[in-house]
Amino acid sequence: MYSSIKKLILSPFAYLFLIVVGLLLYCKTFAFDLVFLDDNVWILDYKWFFQDTANALKIFTGPDFISQVFYRPILNLTFFLDARFSQGSILSYRISNIILHLTNICLLMHLLCKLKYGRQKAFCFSLLFSVHPVLTQAVAWIPGRTDSLLAVFVLLSFINMISFVEKEKRLYLFLHWLFFIFALLTKETAVSFALCCSLYLCVIADKRQRSRSFKTLIPLWIVTLGVWFFVRSIIIDKKSVHDLAMIFSSLLKNSPSLITYLGKTILPVNLSVLPVIEDTKLVYGLVVLFLFVVLLFLSKKKRINYVLFGFSWFILFLLPALAISFITHEYRLYLPIIGIIFLILELDIVDTIGKKPLIASVFVLCIAGIFSASTLSYCENYSGRDVFWSNAVETSPHSPLAQRNMGVMLHFEGRLDEAEKFYNKALELNQKEPMVNNNLGLIYYERKEFAAAEKFFKREIEIDPSYDNVYYNLAILYYHIGNKEEASEMWEKAFKLNPKNIEACKNLVAHYFNQKDIKRALFYVEQLRQRGVFVPDALMQENSQ
């Protein structure tokens, strides 16, 4: 058995084998539906934007659709391309996610070989990476591609940087720089990559390579980051940017997540589609941390510089997420887990097992089998919105977001009483949970309790005055009870807050035509046409007479 495995690993088919394993593991996601956590925004809400070719350049001149504090044009470009090829299906989005994962598996093996860990070790750890349950979210959840796409550019840039350091060829320098830019334009976490590269030069590259490369790379990184920061500062919404005090507070609050993230890299048994600190057990992380400390202490052949580099890689790629997020999404481990692989490869136990080929083969295949079975089972939680949010509520009962969106799923099905209970539970956990009061307002509107509905809509505005949908819904209420002027004011407010709110714009067109205010109606007609919405000329002529 071992001889056959060895021949496969040493052959050109090793990469093909890894691709087939990853494809077989995740091909079931082709049939998955949306889960309605951001994926509906990309694929449904802004379908009109992504399907219009004229909007391609606008992707690079505006902030992210999900949050105005992010600037991620390359990520948005992938959604744009998927929308162009999808023809109303979400299959192309699924295919893209899997292709990104398969690409990273191959890049990881290439990187490990380049770092001289040996082809057999590189193959084994790339195989475990391909089937690791904690990476499921990055593949099975469409927006999870944020970090798998980032990983593609980071790994390509890192590989080319190592080649430049070793061979001094300008082509490698250019490719390193190009992929670094792509990484920055994919996700802000790429800022940490410059620190990882600097650390590599300081602790791993030899003195001759270090002194020569620093002179070229440091100015390149500084200039690139400076230009990126400048462009980003012009485009993003300054009001949404966290100040230093808030960032420090978030880092302090989220610091225990480092332990839970560490635990999930080795013992992926406490997984959740929507993990929060309050419901994540620290014990697994503490056990893993203890094992690492003991095994590192007992390892006589370990290279401290590689241990330091691997640990730093893990920490540096997690820190940006800890600075702004209250959800410890598992897809954020996609890049950091590579640092843990570097660290594990420095343990003597790896070489000890490796010296017994048959035992090593059986051990790796057993772990890969267990991981694959776990991934196949866990992957089902991303098959649709009902099962997704049921898992979120079950595994993260202290998450107000989970309670809120479980209510939304029930609301979609017309189960208003059950939805209301989950909305109230969300408010018990967080009185200022966004969108909950708006959703309660919708329930009372459907019950024709208009006074109560108005109260909840106004309470939502007090909590989040920048939420455009609540103004839109309040406008519907006002229009229904005959307050048409107030309704138009609310729709205009919604459209001003979010120029992509097409429904508000459509209602303004209808309202002003009904009011015979042709000038205003034509203004909003033009806004619709600029956003790729077809407005029949016959309708224009009929209302203009």
Protein backbone atom coordinates (compact mmCIF):
# COMPACT_ATOMS: atom_id res chain seq x y z
CA MET A 1 0.00 0.00 0.00
CA TYR A 2 2.74 2.44 0.97
CA SER A 3 4.67 1.92 -2.25
CA SER A 4 1.57 2.77 -4.30
CA ILE A 5 0.92 5.89 -2.21
CA LYS A 6 4.54 6.95 -2.53
CA LYS A 7 4.45 6.61 -6.30
CA LEU A 8 1.29 8.74 -6.41
CA ILE A 9 2.82 11.44 -4.19
CA LEU A 10 6.00 11.64 -6.24
CA SER A 11 4.16 11.65 -9.56
CA PRO A 12 2.64 14.65 -11.37
CA PHE A 13 -0.76 13.13 -10.54
CA ALA A 14 -0.44 14.14 -6.87
CA TYR A 15 -2.01 17.52 -7.60
CA LEU A 16 -4.76 15.89 -9.65
CA PHE A 17 -5.52 13.51 -6.78
CA LEU A 18 -5.91 16.44 -4.37
CA ILE A 19 -8.22 18.21 -6.83
CA VAL A 20 -10.39 15.11 -7.23
CA VAL A 21 -10.67 14.66 -3.45
CA GLY A 22 -11.72 18.27 -2.95
CA LEU A 23 -14.18 18.12 -5.83
CA LEU A 24 -15.80 14.89 -4.63
CA LEU A 25 -16.12 16.30 -1.12
CA TYR A 26 -17.86 19.52 -2.13
CA CYS A 27 -19.71 18.63 -5.36
CA LYS A 28 -22.87 18.18 -3.28
CA THR A 29 -22.93 21.96 -2.74
CA PHE A 30 -23.95 22.37 -6.39
CA ALA A 31 -27.51 21.62 -5.29
CA PHE A 32 -27.48 23.90 -2.23
CA ASP A 33 -29.79 26.90 -1.94
CA LEU A 34 -29.10 30.31 -0.39
CA VAL A 35 -28.93 30.58 3.42
CA PHE A 36 -29.85 34.27 3.57
CA LEU A 37 -26.78 35.49 5.40
CA ASP A 38 -25.30 38.06 3.00
CA ASP A 39 -25.53 35.65 0.05
CA ASN A 40 -29.03 36.92 -0.71
CA VAL A 41 -27.65 40.47 -0.85
CA TRP A 42 -24.99 39.56 -3.41
CA ILE A 43 -27.14 37.28 -5.54
CA LEU A 44 -30.70 38.62 -5.20
CA ASP A 45 -30.74 42.19 -3.92
CA TYR A 46 -28.02 43.48 -6.25
CA LYS A 47 -28.65 41.14 -9.15
CA TRP A 48 -29.68 44.14 -11.25
CA PHE A 49 -26.32 45.81 -10.56
CA PHE A 50 -24.08 42.85 -11.30
CA GLN A 51 -25.91 41.88 -14.49
CA ASP A 52 -25.32 45.29 -16.08
CA THR A 53 -21.95 45.36 -17.87
CA ALA A 54 -21.82 49.14 -17.53
CA ASN A 55 -21.40 48.73 -13.75
CA ALA A 56 -18.10 46.84 -14.01
CA LEU A 57 -15.95 49.94 -13.44
CA LYS A 58 -18.24 51.17 -10.64
CA ILE A 59 -17.09 48.20 -8.59
CA PHE A 60 -13.68 49.88 -8.26
CA THR A 61 -15.06 53.31 -7.36
CA GLY A 62 -17.42 52.38 -4.53
CA PRO A 63 -17.31 50.62 -1.16
CA ASP A 64 -18.42 47.08 -0.44
CA PHE A 65 -22.16 46.31 -0.72
CA ILE A 66 -22.43 44.58 2.66
CA SER A 67 -20.57 47.18 4.70
CA GLN A 68 -19.60 50.69 3.67
CA VAL A 69 -16.41 50.44 5.76
CA PHE A 70 -14.86 47.89 3.37
CA TYR A 71 -13.25 48.38 -0.03
CA ARG A 72 -13.13 44.99 -1.80
CA PRO A 73 -13.42 45.48 -5.57
CA ILE A 74 -11.73 42.20 -6.56
CA LEU A 75 -14.16 40.23 -4.40
CA ASN A 76 -17.07 42.18 -5.90
CA LEU A 77 -15.67 41.52 -9.36
CA THR A 78 -15.94 37.76 -8.81
CA PHE A 79 -19.64 38.18 -7.95
CA PHE A 80 -20.03 40.38 -11.00
CA LEU A 81 -18.55 37.67 -13.23
CA ASP A 82 -20.67 34.97 -11.61
CA ALA A 83 -23.80 37.04 -12.17
CA ARG A 84 -22.88 37.47 -15.83
CA PHE A 85 -22.50 33.72 -16.35
CA SER A 86 -25.20 32.48 -13.99
CA GLN A 87 -28.28 33.19 -16.14
CA GLY A 88 -30.46 33.24 -13.05
CA SER A 89 -28.82 30.19 -11.41
CA ILE A 90 -26.52 30.12 -8.39
CA LEU A 91 -24.51 27.21 -9.80
CA SER A 92 -21.74 29.45 -11.14
CA TYR A 93 -21.25 30.91 -7.65
CA ARG A 94 -20.88 27.40 -6.24
CA ILE A 95 -18.42 26.40 -8.95
CA SER A 96 -16.31 29.50 -8.28
CA ASN A 97 -16.09 28.72 -4.56
CA ILE A 98 -14.94 25.18 -5.23
CA ILE A 99 -12.39 26.28 -7.85
CA LEU A 100 -10.88 28.71 -5.35
CA HIS A 101 -10.57 25.95 -2.75
CA LEU A 102 -8.99 23.52 -5.21
CA THR A 103 -6.54 26.22 -6.30
CA ASN A 104 -5.48 26.83 -2.71
CA ILE A 105 -4.94 23.13 -2.06
CA CYS A 106 -2.47 22.99 -4.96
CA LEU A 107 -0.82 26.27 -4.00
CA LEU A 108 -0.35 25.05 -0.43
CA MET A 109 1.38 21.88 -1.59
CA HIS A 110 3.62 23.93 -3.88
CA LEU A 111 4.47 26.34 -1.05
CA LEU A 112 5.31 23.55 1.41
CA CYS A 113 7.59 21.97 -1.19
CA LYS A 114 9.20 25.35 -1.83
CA LEU A 115 9.86 25.72 1.90
CA LYS A 116 11.66 22.35 1.67
CA TYR A 117 9.38 20.39 3.95
CA GLY A 118 9.48 17.47 1.52
CA ARG A 119 6.94 16.34 -1.06
CA GLN A 120 5.42 13.62 1.12
CA LYS A 121 4.75 15.96 4.03
CA ALA A 122 3.49 18.62 1.64
CA PHE A 123 1.05 16.16 0.08
CA CYS A 124 -0.25 14.83 3.40
CA PHE A 125 -0.89 18.25 4.93
CA SER A 126 -2.43 19.58 1.72
CA LEU A 127 -4.77 16.58 1.76
CA LEU A 128 -5.78 17.31 5.36
CA PHE A 129 -6.24 20.99 4.45
CA SER A 130 -8.54 20.01 1.56
CA VAL A 131 -10.92 18.03 3.79
CA HIS A 132 -10.66 19.97 7.07
CA PRO A 133 -14.15 20.56 8.53
CA VAL A 134 -13.38 24.06 9.84
CA LEU A 135 -12.84 25.26 6.25
CA THR A 136 -16.30 24.10 5.16
CA GLN A 137 -17.80 27.56 5.52
CA ALA A 138 -15.32 29.05 3.06
CA VAL A 139 -16.52 26.65 0.37
CA ALA A 140 -20.18 25.84 1.15
CA TRP A 141 -21.22 29.41 2.04
CA ILE A 142 -20.95 31.63 -1.03
CA PRO A 143 -19.67 34.80 0.77
CA GLY A 144 -17.08 32.58 2.47
CA ARG A 145 -15.00 32.97 -0.68
CA THR A 146 -13.76 36.26 0.79
CA ASP A 147 -10.97 34.40 2.57
CA SER A 148 -10.38 31.64 0.03
CA LEU A 149 -9.95 34.29 -2.68
CA LEU A 150 -7.64 36.23 -0.37
CA ALA A 151 -5.66 33.02 0.20
CA VAL A 152 -5.13 32.52 -3.54
CA PHE A 153 -3.49 35.94 -3.90
CA VAL A 154 -1.55 35.73 -0.62
CA LEU A 155 -0.11 32.31 -1.47
CA LEU A 156 0.77 33.37 -5.03
CA SER A 157 2.39 36.54 -3.75
CA PHE A 158 4.29 34.70 -1.01
CA ILE A 159 5.55 32.00 -3.39
CA ASN A 160 6.81 34.65 -5.81
CA MET A 161 8.43 36.63 -3.00
CA ILE A 162 10.39 33.56 -1.91
CA SER A 163 11.45 33.00 -5.52
CA PHE A 164 12.59 36.61 -5.78
CA VAL A 165 14.56 36.38 -2.54
CA GLU A 166 16.28 33.23 -3.78
CA LYS A 167 16.85 34.11 -7.46
CA GLU A 168 16.60 37.93 -7.67
CA LYS A 169 14.58 37.82 -10.89
CA ARG A 170 12.47 40.91 -11.53
CA LEU A 171 9.60 38.85 -12.87
CA TYR A 172 9.12 37.27 -9.44
CA LEU A 173 9.23 40.70 -7.83
CA PHE A 174 6.56 42.00 -10.21
CA LEU A 175 4.30 38.98 -9.62
CA HIS A 176 4.74 39.29 -5.86
CA TRP A 177 3.73 42.94 -6.03
CA LEU A 178 0.82 42.33 -8.41
CA PHE A 179 -0.72 39.56 -6.30
CA PHE A 180 -0.18 41.64 -3.15
CA ILE A 181 -2.27 44.41 -4.72
CA PHE A 182 -4.96 41.89 -5.65
CA ALA A 183 -4.95 40.66 -2.05
CA LEU A 184 -5.38 44.19 -0.69
CA LEU A 185 -8.28 44.76 -3.08
CA THR A 186 -9.90 41.52 -1.92
CA LYS A 187 -9.84 41.98 1.85
CA GLU A 188 -8.22 44.36 4.33
CA THR A 189 -6.61 41.44 6.16
CA ALA A 190 -3.94 41.50 3.44
CA VAL A 191 -2.27 44.29 5.41
CA SER A 192 -1.06 41.55 7.75
CA PHE A 193 0.61 39.82 4.82
CA ALA A 194 3.25 42.56 4.57
CA LEU A 195 4.14 41.86 8.22
CA CYS A 196 4.35 38.12 7.53
CA CYS A 197 6.69 38.75 4.60
CA SER A 198 8.87 41.01 6.74
CA LEU A 199 9.00 38.34 9.42
CA TYR A 200 9.99 35.72 6.85
CA LEU A 201 12.94 37.87 5.78
CA CYS A 202 13.95 38.52 9.38
CA VAL A 203 13.80 35.01 10.82
CA ILE A 204 14.01 32.56 7.89
CA ALA A 205 15.89 34.11 4.95
CA ASP A 206 19.69 34.00 5.32
CA LYS A 207 21.61 37.21 6.04
CA ARG A 208 22.73 37.73 2.46
CA GLN A 209 19.22 37.34 1.08
CA ARG A 210 17.79 39.47 3.88
CA SER A 211 19.95 42.53 3.41
CA ARG A 212 19.59 42.45 -0.37
CA SER A 213 15.83 41.87 -0.43
CA PHE A 214 14.93 44.36 2.28
CA LYS A 215 16.29 47.20 0.18
CA THR A 216 13.83 46.38 -2.59
CA LEU A 217 10.82 44.96 -0.77
CA ILE A 218 10.40 47.35 2.16
CA PRO A 219 10.00 50.47 -0.05
CA LEU A 220 7.70 48.49 -2.35
CA TRP A 221 5.42 47.47 0.53
CA ILE A 222 5.38 50.95 2.06
CA VAL A 223 4.47 52.67 -1.21
CA THR A 224 1.85 50.05 -2.11
CA LEU A 225 0.21 50.22 1.31
CA GLY A 226 0.33 54.02 1.27
CA VAL A 227 -1.44 54.24 -2.08
CA TRP A 228 -3.99 51.63 -1.01
CA PHE A 229 -4.75 53.46 2.25
CA PHE A 230 -5.14 56.74 0.35
CA VAL A 231 -7.52 55.31 -2.28
CA ARG A 232 -9.48 53.42 0.35
CA SER A 233 -9.87 56.52 2.53
CA ILE A 234 -11.44 58.39 -0.38
CA ILE A 235 -13.96 55.65 -1.20
CA ILE A 236 -15.20 54.20 2.10
CA ASP A 237 -17.85 55.72 4.35
CA LYS A 238 -15.89 57.63 7.00
CA LYS A 239 -18.84 57.56 9.41
CA SER A 240 -18.64 53.77 9.60
CA VAL A 241 -14.92 53.61 10.42
CA HIS A 242 -14.15 52.43 13.94
CA ASP A 243 -12.00 54.69 16.07
CA LEU A 244 -8.92 53.41 17.90
CA ALA A 245 -10.75 53.09 21.22
CA MET A 246 -13.42 50.88 19.64
CA ILE A 247 -10.82 48.76 17.86
CA PHE A 248 -8.87 48.24 21.08
CA SER A 249 -12.06 47.37 22.96
CA SER A 250 -13.04 44.86 20.26
CA LEU A 251 -9.59 43.23 20.30
CA LEU A 252 -9.76 42.89 24.07
CA LYS A 253 -13.28 41.45 24.01
CA ASN A 254 -12.52 39.03 21.17
CA SER A 255 -9.10 37.88 22.40
CA PRO A 256 -10.48 34.56 23.81
CA SER A 257 -11.44 33.73 20.22
CA LEU A 258 -7.78 33.05 19.50
CA ILE A 259 -8.01 30.06 21.83
CA THR A 260 -11.22 28.79 20.24
CA TYR A 261 -9.82 29.26 16.74
CA LEU A 262 -6.71 27.31 17.75
CA GLY A 263 -8.87 24.50 19.13
CA LYS A 264 -10.84 24.20 15.90
CA THR A 265 -7.66 23.72 13.85
CA ILE A 266 -6.86 20.42 15.59
CA LEU A 267 -10.14 19.39 17.23
CA PRO A 268 -12.90 20.62 14.90
CA VAL A 269 -15.75 19.35 17.10
CA ASN A 270 -17.33 22.61 18.29
CA LEU A 271 -18.36 24.01 14.92
CA SER A 272 -21.18 26.46 14.28
CA VAL A 273 -22.47 28.26 11.22
CA LEU A 274 -22.63 31.44 13.31
CA PRO A 275 -20.20 31.10 16.25
CA VAL A 276 -20.15 33.67 19.05
CA ILE A 277 -17.80 33.81 22.02
CA GLU A 278 -20.56 33.26 24.58
CA ASP A 279 -21.43 29.86 23.15
CA THR A 280 -18.00 28.61 22.10
CA LYS A 281 -16.18 26.30 24.51
CA LEU A 282 -12.61 27.27 25.38
CA VAL A 283 -11.69 23.81 26.63
CA TYR A 284 -10.82 22.42 23.20
CA GLY A 285 -8.51 25.33 22.48
CA LEU A 286 -6.84 25.06 25.87
CA VAL A 287 -6.24 21.35 25.33
CA VAL A 288 -4.68 22.01 21.92
CA LEU A 289 -2.56 24.83 23.32
CA PHE A 290 -1.30 22.55 26.09
CA LEU A 291 -0.46 19.79 23.58
CA PHE A 292 1.48 22.24 21.40
CA VAL A 293 3.47 23.55 24.34
CA VAL A 294 4.37 20.03 25.50
CA LEU A 295 5.23 18.73 22.02
CA LEU A 296 7.31 21.79 21.20
CA PHE A 297 9.16 21.46 24.48
CA LEU A 298 9.91 17.79 23.74
CA SER A 299 10.94 18.45 20.13
CA LYS A 300 14.72 18.57 19.94
CA LYS A 301 14.95 19.23 16.20
CA LYS A 302 12.48 22.08 16.04
CA ARG A 303 13.60 25.27 14.33
CA ILE A 304 12.59 28.13 16.59
CA ASN A 305 12.53 30.60 13.72
CA TYR A 306 10.00 28.48 11.80
CA VAL A 307 7.93 27.98 14.95
CA LEU A 308 7.88 31.74 15.48
CA PHE A 309 6.96 32.34 11.85
CA GLY A 310 4.12 29.79 11.89
CA PHE A 311 2.65 31.12 15.14
CA SER A 312 2.91 34.72 13.89
CA TRP A 313 1.22 33.80 10.60
CA PHE A 314 -1.69 32.33 12.59
CA ILE A 315 -2.05 35.39 14.82
CA LEU A 316 -1.47 38.12 12.24
CA PHE A 317 -4.12 36.89 9.82
CA LEU A 318 -6.70 36.66 12.63
CA LEU A 319 -6.11 40.03 14.30
CA PRO A 320 -7.93 42.23 11.74
CA ALA A 321 -11.13 40.18 12.16
CA LEU A 322 -10.92 40.44 15.95
CA ALA A 323 -10.70 44.23 15.67
CA ILE A 324 -14.14 44.76 14.15
CA SER A 325 -16.23 41.57 14.31
CA PHE A 326 -18.57 40.10 16.91
CA ILE A 327 -18.93 36.80 15.04
CA THR A 328 -16.00 34.40 15.01
CA HIS A 329 -16.76 33.09 11.53
CA GLU A 330 -14.90 29.85 10.81
CA TYR A 331 -14.00 30.80 7.24
CA ARG A 332 -11.58 33.32 8.75
CA LEU A 333 -9.35 30.36 9.68
CA TYR A 334 -8.72 29.64 6.01
CA LEU A 335 -5.38 31.50 5.87
CA PRO A 336 -4.34 31.33 9.56
CA ILE A 337 -4.54 27.53 9.60
CA ILE A 338 -1.57 27.45 7.22
CA GLY A 339 0.51 28.95 10.04
CA ILE A 340 -0.53 26.04 12.25
CA ILE A 341 0.62 23.65 9.52
CA PHE A 342 4.05 25.36 9.55
CA LEU A 343 4.12 24.92 13.32
CA ILE A 344 3.09 21.23 13.29
CA LEU A 345 5.76 20.43 10.72
CA GLU A 346 8.41 21.50 13.25
CA LEU A 347 7.32 18.88 15.79
CA ASP A 348 9.56 15.83 16.17
CA ILE A 349 6.48 13.59 16.33
CA VAL A 350 5.87 14.28 12.63
CA ASP A 351 9.30 12.91 11.72
CA THR A 352 8.90 10.01 14.15
CA ILE A 353 5.66 8.91 12.50
CA GLY A 354 7.11 9.63 9.05
CA LYS A 355 9.94 7.14 9.63
CA LYS A 356 7.34 4.38 9.74
CA PRO A 357 5.77 4.70 6.28
CA LEU A 358 2.98 2.18 6.74
CA ILE A 359 1.89 3.66 10.07
CA ALA A 360 2.18 7.19 8.66
CA SER A 361 0.01 6.26 5.65
CA VAL A 362 -2.67 4.65 7.80
CA PHE A 363 -2.59 7.57 10.25
CA VAL A 364 -3.02 10.25 7.56
CA LEU A 365 -5.72 8.28 5.74
CA CYS A 366 -7.64 7.75 9.01
CA ILE A 367 -7.50 11.45 9.90
CA ALA A 368 -8.46 12.40 6.34
CA GLY A 369 -11.36 9.95 6.48
CA ILE A 370 -12.62 11.31 9.80
CA PHE A 371 -12.29 14.89 8.56
CA SER A 372 -14.08 14.05 5.30
CA ALA A 373 -16.99 12.40 7.09
CA SER A 374 -17.27 15.35 9.44
CA THR A 375 -17.14 17.84 6.57
CA LEU A 376 -19.80 15.96 4.58
CA SER A 377 -22.11 16.00 7.60
CA TYR A 378 -21.40 19.59 8.62
CA CYS A 379 -21.73 20.80 5.04
CA GLU A 380 -25.47 20.01 5.11
CA ASN A 381 -26.01 22.99 7.42
CA TYR A 382 -25.32 25.23 4.42
CA SER A 383 -27.85 23.52 2.14
CA GLY A 384 -30.65 26.04 2.77
CA ARG A 385 -31.88 28.84 4.96
CA ASP A 386 -34.04 26.79 7.34
CA VAL A 387 -31.37 24.26 8.30
CA PHE A 388 -28.72 27.01 8.44
CA TRP A 389 -30.57 29.20 10.93
CA SER A 390 -31.76 26.22 12.93
CA ASN A 391 -28.11 25.28 13.44
CA ALA A 392 -27.28 28.90 14.30
CA VAL A 393 -29.94 29.05 17.01
CA GLU A 394 -29.00 25.61 18.35
CA THR A 395 -25.23 26.16 18.50
CA SER A 396 -25.27 29.90 19.32
CA PRO A 397 -28.35 30.53 21.48
CA HIS A 398 -26.80 33.75 22.84
CA SER A 399 -26.51 35.29 19.39
CA PRO A 400 -29.18 37.95 18.83
CA LEU A 401 -28.43 37.75 15.11
CA ALA A 402 -29.26 34.03 15.08
CA GLN A 403 -32.54 34.64 16.92
CA ARG A 404 -33.43 37.54 14.63
CA ASN A 405 -32.79 35.71 11.40
CA MET A 406 -34.54 32.55 12.57
CA GLY A 407 -37.50 34.87 13.04
CA VAL A 408 -36.99 36.16 9.50
CA MET A 409 -37.10 32.62 8.08
CA LEU A 410 -40.37 31.94 9.91
CA HIS A 411 -41.64 35.33 8.78
CA PHE A 412 -41.00 34.33 5.15
CA GLU A 413 -43.19 31.27 5.70
CA GLY A 414 -46.03 33.36 7.16
CA ARG A 415 -45.59 31.94 10.67
CA LEU A 416 -45.91 35.36 12.28
CA ASP A 417 -46.50 34.31 15.88
CA GLU A 418 -43.41 32.08 15.92
CA ALA A 419 -41.36 34.76 14.17
CA GLU A 420 -42.39 37.34 16.77
CA LYS A 421 -41.11 35.10 19.57
CA PHE A 422 -37.67 34.91 17.99
CA TYR A 423 -37.62 38.68 17.37
CA ASN A 424 -38.44 39.31 21.03
CA LYS A 425 -35.75 36.84 22.08
CA ALA A 426 -33.25 38.80 19.98
CA LEU A 427 -34.28 42.01 21.75
CA GLU A 428 -33.87 40.30 25.13
CA LEU A 429 -30.26 39.56 24.18
CA ASN A 430 -29.65 42.99 22.66
CA GLN A 431 -32.20 45.80 22.92
CA LYS A 432 -30.53 47.56 20.00
CA GLU A 433 -30.23 44.58 17.67
CA PRO A 434 -30.49 46.05 14.14
CA MET A 435 -33.56 45.33 11.98
CA VAL A 436 -35.56 43.58 14.71
CA ASN A 437 -37.93 46.48 15.40
CA ASN A 438 -38.33 46.96 11.67
CA ASN A 439 -39.34 43.32 11.31
CA LEU A 440 -41.76 43.56 14.22
CA GLY A 441 -43.24 46.58 12.48
CA LEU A 442 -43.80 44.44 9.38
CA ILE A 443 -45.60 41.81 11.46
CA TYR A 444 -47.95 44.37 12.97
CA TYR A 445 -48.49 45.91 9.54
CA GLU A 446 -49.56 42.52 8.21
CA ARG A 447 -51.93 42.22 11.18
CA LYS A 448 -53.31 45.65 10.23
CA GLU A 449 -52.28 47.07 13.63
CA PHE A 450 -50.91 50.21 12.01
CA ALA A 451 -50.28 52.28 15.15
CA ALA A 452 -48.13 49.52 16.65
CA ALA A 453 -46.34 49.04 13.33
CA GLU A 454 -45.49 52.75 13.15
CA LYS A 455 -44.15 52.65 16.70
CA PHE A 456 -41.75 49.82 15.88
CA PHE A 457 -40.60 51.45 12.62
CA LYS A 458 -39.81 54.68 14.45
CA ARG A 459 -37.99 52.77 17.19
CA GLU A 460 -35.82 51.16 14.48
CA ILE A 461 -35.01 54.61 13.11
CA GLU A 462 -33.89 55.71 16.59
CA ILE A 463 -31.57 52.70 16.81
CA ASP A 464 -30.22 52.89 13.26
CA PRO A 465 -31.13 56.09 11.36
CA SER A 466 -29.01 54.94 8.40
CA TYR A 467 -31.08 51.79 7.67
CA ASP A 468 -32.84 52.53 4.39
CA ASN A 469 -35.37 49.67 4.46
CA VAL A 470 -37.13 50.94 7.58
CA TYR A 471 -37.90 54.23 5.82
CA TYR A 472 -39.16 52.24 2.83
CA ASN A 473 -41.46 50.16 5.03
CA LEU A 474 -42.70 53.18 6.96
CA ALA A 475 -43.50 54.80 3.60
CA ILE A 476 -45.60 51.77 2.62
CA LEU A 477 -47.50 52.12 5.89
CA TYR A 478 -48.09 55.85 5.39
CA TYR A 479 -49.22 55.34 1.81
CA HIS A 480 -51.64 52.62 2.87
CA ILE A 481 -53.32 54.86 5.49
CA GLY A 482 -53.47 57.81 3.10
CA ASN A 483 -50.47 59.90 4.22
CA LYS A 484 -49.03 60.06 0.72
CA GLU A 485 -46.80 63.10 1.21
CA GLU A 486 -45.16 61.58 4.27
CA ALA A 487 -44.78 58.34 2.31
CA SER A 488 -42.91 60.10 -0.51
CA GLU A 489 -40.61 61.76 2.03
CA MET A 490 -39.75 58.36 3.52
CA TRP A 491 -39.09 56.81 0.10
CA GLU A 492 -36.85 59.72 -0.80
CA LYS A 493 -34.99 59.25 2.48
CA ALA A 494 -34.55 55.54 1.76
CA PHE A 495 -33.26 56.21 -1.75
CA LYS A 496 -30.90 58.92 -0.51
CA LEU A 497 -29.43 56.57 2.10
CA ASN A 498 -29.12 53.73 -0.39
CA PRO A 499 -29.04 54.72 -4.08
CA LYS A 500 -29.31 51.00 -4.90
CA ASN A 501 -32.78 50.77 -3.31
CA ILE A 502 -34.60 50.20 -6.59
CA GLU A 503 -38.02 49.55 -5.04
CA ALA A 504 -38.03 52.94 -3.32
CA CYS A 505 -37.18 54.58 -6.63
CA LYS A 506 -39.98 52.71 -8.44
CA ASN A 507 -42.52 53.81 -5.86
CA LEU A 508 -41.38 57.41 -6.19
CA VAL A 509 -41.91 57.22 -9.96
CA ALA A 510 -45.45 55.87 -9.48
CA HIS A 511 -46.26 58.39 -6.74
CA TYR A 512 -45.13 61.47 -8.65
CA PHE A 513 -46.87 60.35 -11.84
CA ASN A 514 -50.07 59.93 -9.79
CA GLN A 515 -49.55 63.40 -8.36
CA LYS A 516 -48.98 64.77 -11.89
CA ASP A 517 -45.55 65.98 -10.79
CA ILE A 518 -43.98 65.01 -14.10
CA LYS A 519 -40.64 66.72 -13.44
CA ARG A 520 -39.92 64.70 -10.28
CA ALA A 521 -41.28 61.53 -11.82
CA LEU A 522 -38.95 61.88 -14.80
CA PHE A 523 -36.02 62.48 -12.45
CA TYR A 524 -36.58 59.12 -10.76
CA VAL A 525 -37.25 57.44 -14.11
CA GLU A 526 -33.78 58.53 -15.14
CA GLN A 527 -32.38 57.15 -11.87
CA LEU A 528 -33.96 53.79 -12.67
CA ARG A 529 -32.54 53.75 -16.17
CA GLN A 530 -29.07 54.58 -14.87
CA ARG A 531 -29.36 51.50 -12.70
CA GLY A 532 -30.29 49.26 -15.61
CA VAL A 533 -34.04 49.11 -14.91
CA PHE A 534 -36.15 49.09 -18.06
CA VAL A 535 -38.91 51.73 -18.14
CA PRO A 536 -41.25 51.37 -21.17
CA ASP A 537 -41.59 54.47 -23.35
CA ALA A 538 -45.33 53.78 -23.59
CA LEU A 539 -45.61 54.19 -19.82
CA MET A 540 -43.77 57.49 -20.07
CA GLN A 541 -46.04 58.80 -22.81
CA GLU A 542 -49.19 57.67 -21.02
CA ASN A 543 -48.29 59.43 -17.78
CA SER A 544 -46.86 62.52 -19.40
CA GLN A 545 -50.12 63.40 -21.20
